[in-house]
Amino acid sequence: MTVKIVELAGQRWAILPEEDYKRLAAQAGEGTDWPEVPKPDAKGNYPAVEYARASLARKIIKARRQAGLTQAELARRASIRPETLNRIERGKTTPDTATIVKIERALETAGGEDS
């Protein structure tokens, strides 16, 4: 892999070939398993429920990954079934408010811990 380090506006940046970037992003799991956001209809309207599910799922996945948690670990911390979290993250179910709050609290707690 060829990497070039440059400095712009006082910050150091690593520049690498696009193919290397794509390979590294795939290895990190970034964007490879995001639920698909539905397409708008002919009038430009998005299906509300499906769009909300996908949006929530993407936010949870991103926060979980940033906290360094697996689905199983987040589910355990949130006191929900791993299968439930998996369906939420795939955008296949609409969680109730209590479940969303449990996930949010588990993520907040995980973010404040020292690993």
C-alpha atoms as a PDB file:
ATOM      1  CA  MET A   1       0.000   0.000   0.000  1.00  0.00           C
ATOM      2  CA  THR A   2       1.329   3.413  -0.963  1.00  0.00           C
ATOM      3  CA  VAL A   3       0.524   6.187   1.503  1.00  0.00           C
ATOM      4  CA  LYS A   4       1.585   9.806   1.279  1.00  0.00           C
ATOM      5  CA  ILE A   5       1.438  12.091   4.320  1.00  0.00           C
ATOM      6  CA  VAL A   6       0.680  15.754   3.629  1.00  0.00           C
ATOM      7  CA  GLU A   7       0.042  18.729   5.853  1.00  0.00           C
ATOM      8  CA  LEU A   8      -2.836  21.094   5.124  1.00  0.00           C
ATOM      9  CA  ALA A   9      -3.903  23.955   7.375  1.00  0.00           C
ATOM     10  CA  GLY A  10      -1.826  22.557  10.223  1.00  0.00           C
ATOM     11  CA  GLN A  11      -3.312  19.060  10.029  1.00  0.00           C
ATOM     12  CA  ARG A  12      -1.557  15.927   8.804  1.00  0.00           C
ATOM     13  CA  TRP A  13      -3.472  13.817   6.277  1.00  0.00           C
ATOM     14  CA  ALA A  14      -2.781  10.389   4.855  1.00  0.00           C
ATOM     15  CA  ILE A  15      -3.448  10.024   1.141  1.00  0.00           C
ATOM     16  CA  LEU A  16      -3.784   6.552  -0.320  1.00  0.00           C
ATOM     17  CA  PRO A  17      -5.032   5.014  -3.556  1.00  0.00           C
ATOM     18  CA  GLU A  18      -8.806   4.666  -3.830  1.00  0.00           C
ATOM     19  CA  GLU A  19      -8.652   0.874  -4.141  1.00  0.00           C
ATOM     20  CA  ASP A  20      -6.706   0.674  -0.858  1.00  0.00           C
ATOM     21  CA  TYR A  21      -9.247   2.956   0.799  1.00  0.00           C
ATOM     22  CA  LYS A  22     -12.163   0.808  -0.403  1.00  0.00           C
ATOM     23  CA  ARG A  23     -10.460  -2.362   0.819  1.00  0.00           C
ATOM     24  CA  LEU A  24      -9.733  -0.860   4.244  1.00  0.00           C
ATOM     25  CA  ALA A  25     -13.263   0.528   4.547  1.00  0.00           C
ATOM     26  CA  ALA A  26     -14.706  -2.888   3.716  1.00  0.00           C
ATOM     27  CA  GLN A  27     -12.460  -4.546   6.295  1.00  0.00           C
ATOM     28  CA  ALA A  28     -13.601  -2.041   8.909  1.00  0.00           C
ATOM     29  CA  GLY A  29     -17.218  -2.726   8.015  1.00  0.00           C
ATOM     30  CA  GLU A  30     -17.964   0.889   7.184  1.00  0.00           C
ATOM     31  CA  GLY A  31     -21.086   1.064   5.091  1.00  0.00           C
ATOM     32  CA  THR A  32     -21.046  -2.596   4.115  1.00  0.00           C
ATOM     33  CA  ASP A  33     -24.083  -3.630   6.103  1.00  0.00           C
ATOM     34  CA  TRP A  34     -26.113  -0.459   6.419  1.00  0.00           C
ATOM     35  CA  PRO A  35     -29.831  -0.896   5.858  1.00  0.00           C
ATOM     36  CA  GLU A  36     -30.824   0.591   2.542  1.00  0.00           C
ATOM     37  CA  VAL A  37     -32.691   3.896   2.630  1.00  0.00           C
ATOM     38  CA  PRO A  38     -35.852   3.561   0.522  1.00  0.00           C
ATOM     39  CA  LYS A  39     -36.120   5.462  -2.733  1.00  0.00           C
ATOM     40  CA  PRO A  40     -38.656   8.272  -3.106  1.00  0.00           C
ATOM     41  CA  ASP A  41     -41.806   7.706  -5.121  1.00  0.00           C
ATOM     42  CA  ALA A  42     -42.629   9.552  -8.355  1.00  0.00           C
ATOM     43  CA  LYS A  43     -43.657  12.646  -6.369  1.00  0.00           C
ATOM     44  CA  GLY A  44     -40.405  12.671  -4.386  1.00  0.00           C
ATOM     45  CA  ASN A  45     -41.965  11.396  -1.164  1.00  0.00           C
ATOM     46  CA  TYR A  46     -40.146   8.830   0.925  1.00  0.00           C
ATOM     47  CA  PRO A  47     -42.043   5.993   2.634  1.00  0.00           C
ATOM     48  CA  ALA A  48     -42.055   7.383   6.178  1.00  0.00           C
ATOM     49  CA  VAL A  49     -41.894   4.195   8.242  1.00  0.00           C
ATOM     50  CA  GLU A  50     -39.221   2.504   6.139  1.00  0.00           C
ATOM     51  CA  TYR A  51     -37.156   5.693   6.017  1.00  0.00           C
ATOM     52  CA  ALA A  52     -37.395   6.148   9.798  1.00  0.00           C
ATOM     53  CA  ARG A  53     -36.382   2.521  10.395  1.00  0.00           C
ATOM     54  CA  ALA A  54     -33.334   2.788   8.135  1.00  0.00           C
ATOM     55  CA  SER A  55     -32.309   6.129   9.619  1.00  0.00           C
ATOM     56  CA  LEU A  56     -32.568   4.860  13.204  1.00  0.00           C
ATOM     57  CA  ALA A  57     -30.727   1.660  12.297  1.00  0.00           C
ATOM     58  CA  ARG A  58     -27.832   3.575  10.761  1.00  0.00           C
ATOM     59  CA  LYS A  59     -27.530   5.814  13.829  1.00  0.00           C
ATOM     60  CA  ILE A  60     -27.483   2.827  16.185  1.00  0.00           C
ATOM     61  CA  ILE A  61     -24.921   0.945  14.073  1.00  0.00           C
ATOM     62  CA  LYS A  62     -22.645   3.985  13.918  1.00  0.00           C
ATOM     63  CA  ALA A  63     -22.867   4.646  17.670  1.00  0.00           C
ATOM     64  CA  ARG A  64     -22.367   0.964  18.515  1.00  0.00           C
ATOM     65  CA  ARG A  65     -19.264   0.751  16.341  1.00  0.00           C
ATOM     66  CA  GLN A  66     -17.861   3.974  17.778  1.00  0.00           C
ATOM     67  CA  ALA A  67     -18.353   2.507  21.264  1.00  0.00           C
ATOM     68  CA  GLY A  68     -16.538  -0.645  20.158  1.00  0.00           C
ATOM     69  CA  LEU A  69     -19.469  -2.924  20.968  1.00  0.00           C
ATOM     70  CA  THR A  70     -20.769  -5.994  19.200  1.00  0.00           C
ATOM     71  CA  GLN A  71     -24.492  -6.439  18.687  1.00  0.00           C
ATOM     72  CA  ALA A  72     -24.513  -9.099  21.407  1.00  0.00           C
ATOM     73  CA  GLU A  73     -22.751  -6.830  23.893  1.00  0.00           C
ATOM     74  CA  LEU A  74     -25.025  -3.856  23.202  1.00  0.00           C
ATOM     75  CA  ALA A  75     -28.097  -6.075  23.476  1.00  0.00           C
ATOM     76  CA  ARG A  76     -26.876  -7.410  26.829  1.00  0.00           C
ATOM     77  CA  ARG A  77     -26.157  -3.903  28.148  1.00  0.00           C
ATOM     78  CA  ALA A  78     -29.559  -2.676  26.940  1.00  0.00           C
ATOM     79  CA  SER A  79     -31.361  -5.725  28.395  1.00  0.00           C
ATOM     80  CA  ILE A  80     -32.910  -6.638  25.065  1.00  0.00           C
ATOM     81  CA  ARG A  81     -32.661  -9.808  23.010  1.00  0.00           C
ATOM     82  CA  PRO A  82     -29.808  -9.916  20.470  1.00  0.00           C
ATOM     83  CA  GLU A  83     -32.349 -10.933  17.832  1.00  0.00           C
ATOM     84  CA  THR A  84     -34.316  -7.767  18.539  1.00  0.00           C
ATOM     85  CA  LEU A  85     -31.255  -5.547  18.121  1.00  0.00           C
ATOM     86  CA  ASN A  86     -30.344  -7.386  14.925  1.00  0.00           C
ATOM     87  CA  ARG A  87     -33.800  -6.744  13.432  1.00  0.00           C
ATOM     88  CA  ILE A  88     -33.625  -3.081  14.471  1.00  0.00           C
ATOM     89  CA  GLU A  89     -30.170  -2.671  12.900  1.00  0.00           C
ATOM     90  CA  ARG A  90     -31.385  -4.293   9.671  1.00  0.00           C
ATOM     91  CA  GLY A  91     -34.346  -1.880   9.561  1.00  0.00           C
ATOM     92  CA  LYS A  92     -36.823  -4.760   9.743  1.00  0.00           C
ATOM     93  CA  THR A  93     -38.774  -3.664  12.811  1.00  0.00           C
ATOM     94  CA  THR A  94     -39.926  -0.486  14.501  1.00  0.00           C
ATOM     95  CA  PRO A  95     -38.814  -0.502  18.134  1.00  0.00           C
ATOM     96  CA  ASP A  96     -40.990   1.019  20.809  1.00  0.00           C
ATOM     97  CA  THR A  97     -39.838   4.068  22.749  1.00  0.00           C
ATOM     98  CA  ALA A  98     -38.768   2.020  25.775  1.00  0.00           C
ATOM     99  CA  THR A  99     -36.443  -0.094  23.620  1.00  0.00           C
ATOM    100  CA  ILE A 100     -34.909   2.974  21.990  1.00  0.00           C
ATOM    101  CA  VAL A 101     -34.290   4.488  25.431  1.00  0.00           C
ATOM    102  CA  LYS A 102     -32.623   1.263  26.638  1.00  0.00           C
ATOM    103  CA  ILE A 103     -30.313   1.250  23.619  1.00  0.00           C
ATOM    104  CA  GLU A 104     -29.522   4.941  24.025  1.00  0.00           C
ATOM    105  CA  ARG A 105     -28.645   4.532  27.715  1.00  0.00           C
ATOM    106  CA  ALA A 106     -26.489   1.485  27.007  1.00  0.00           C
ATOM    107  CA  LEU A 107     -24.592   3.411  24.328  1.00  0.00           C
ATOM    108  CA  GLU A 108     -24.126   6.437  26.599  1.00  0.00           C
ATOM    109  CA  THR A 109     -22.781   4.207  29.364  1.00  0.00           C
ATOM    110  CA  ALA A 110     -20.443   2.389  26.979  1.00  0.00           C
ATOM    111  CA  GLY A 111     -19.113   5.667  25.612  1.00  0.00           C
ATOM    112  CA  GLY A 112     -18.084   6.826  29.070  1.00  0.00           C
ATOM    113  CA  GLU A 113     -16.190   3.684  30.063  1.00  0.00           C
ATOM    114  CA  ASP A 114     -12.455   3.211  29.927  1.00  0.00           C
ATOM    115  CA  SER A 115     -11.566   0.077  27.987  1.00  0.00           C
END
